[in-house]
Amino acid sequence: MKHFISFLPFFFMSILSLSCSNKPAEKEMKMPMLFDTKEQAEKEAYKFDCEGAHQMGDKWMPCSKHEHNH
């Protein structure tokens, strides 16, 4: 029984770490959202159901406004 009790914390930590995995989120993000040029971002905007591009730091994102749901 003593060995079983010492095993429980490891068992529960394993279960918790599996439930906190971010693997599904990685699968959802297959399209790049940041581009080096405005032209590249504009070309990919149709994939986000929008037009144009906007600057984000030194990169470019599809859609004329950041508020668009991408």
Protein backbone atom coordinates (compact mmCIF):
# COMPACT_ATOMS: atom_id res chain seq x y z
CA MET A 1 0.00 0.00 0.00
CA LYS A 2 2.87 2.36 0.79
CA HIS A 3 4.27 2.02 -2.75
CA PHE A 4 0.84 2.64 -4.24
CA ILE A 5 0.45 5.93 -2.34
CA SER A 6 3.84 7.16 -3.52
CA PHE A 7 2.81 6.37 -7.09
CA LEU A 8 -0.36 8.51 -6.96
CA PRO A 9 1.28 11.96 -7.30
CA PHE A 10 3.13 10.85 -10.45
CA PHE A 11 -0.03 9.35 -11.88
CA PHE A 12 -2.07 12.52 -11.32
CA MET A 13 0.69 14.77 -12.65
CA SER A 14 0.83 12.67 -15.81
CA ILE A 15 -2.92 13.01 -16.32
CA LEU A 16 -2.78 16.77 -15.72
CA SER A 17 0.10 17.28 -18.13
CA LEU A 18 -1.79 15.42 -20.87
CA SER A 19 -4.86 17.56 -20.38
CA CYS A 20 -2.78 20.74 -20.72
CA SER A 21 -1.26 19.77 -24.05
CA ASN A 22 -1.37 22.38 -26.81
CA LYS A 23 -1.22 19.91 -29.71
CA PRO A 24 -4.72 20.71 -31.07
CA ALA A 25 -3.85 24.41 -31.26
CA GLU A 26 -0.74 23.62 -33.28
CA LYS A 27 -2.81 21.64 -35.77
CA GLU A 28 -5.21 24.56 -36.24
CA MET A 29 -2.46 27.04 -37.11
CA LYS A 30 -1.37 25.72 -40.48
CA MET A 31 -1.43 29.03 -42.36
CA PRO A 32 1.24 31.63 -41.71
CA MET A 33 -0.21 34.93 -40.60
CA LEU A 34 2.91 37.12 -40.70
CA PHE A 35 4.67 37.95 -43.95
CA ASP A 36 7.80 39.87 -44.88
CA THR A 37 6.10 42.03 -47.51
CA LYS A 38 2.76 43.76 -47.93
CA GLU A 39 2.32 42.05 -51.29
CA GLN A 40 2.65 38.58 -49.75
CA ALA A 41 0.06 39.40 -47.08
CA GLU A 42 -2.36 40.86 -49.64
CA LYS A 43 -1.97 37.77 -51.81
CA GLU A 44 -2.95 35.50 -48.88
CA ALA A 45 -5.83 37.67 -47.62
CA TYR A 46 -8.43 35.62 -49.51
CA LYS A 47 -7.65 32.67 -47.21
CA PHE A 48 -8.88 34.81 -44.32
CA ASP A 49 -11.95 36.02 -46.25
CA CYS A 50 -10.72 39.61 -46.39
CA GLU A 51 -8.81 42.06 -48.58
CA GLY A 52 -5.71 44.17 -48.11
CA ALA A 53 -2.95 43.99 -45.52
CA HIS A 54 -1.80 45.82 -42.41
CA GLN A 55 1.58 46.23 -40.79
CA MET A 56 2.40 44.54 -37.49
CA GLY A 57 5.81 45.69 -36.32
CA ASP A 58 8.21 44.96 -39.16
CA LYS A 59 5.94 42.26 -40.66
CA TRP A 60 2.66 42.29 -42.57
CA MET A 61 -0.63 40.53 -41.86
CA PRO A 62 -3.55 39.81 -44.21
CA CYS A 63 -6.69 42.00 -43.97
CA SER A 64 -6.79 45.77 -44.02
CA LYS A 65 -7.58 45.94 -40.27
CA HIS A 66 -6.27 43.89 -37.37
CA GLU A 67 -9.77 43.53 -35.94
CA HIS A 68 -10.61 41.01 -38.67
CA ASN A 69 -11.01 37.52 -37.23
CA HIS A 70 -7.83 35.70 -38.31
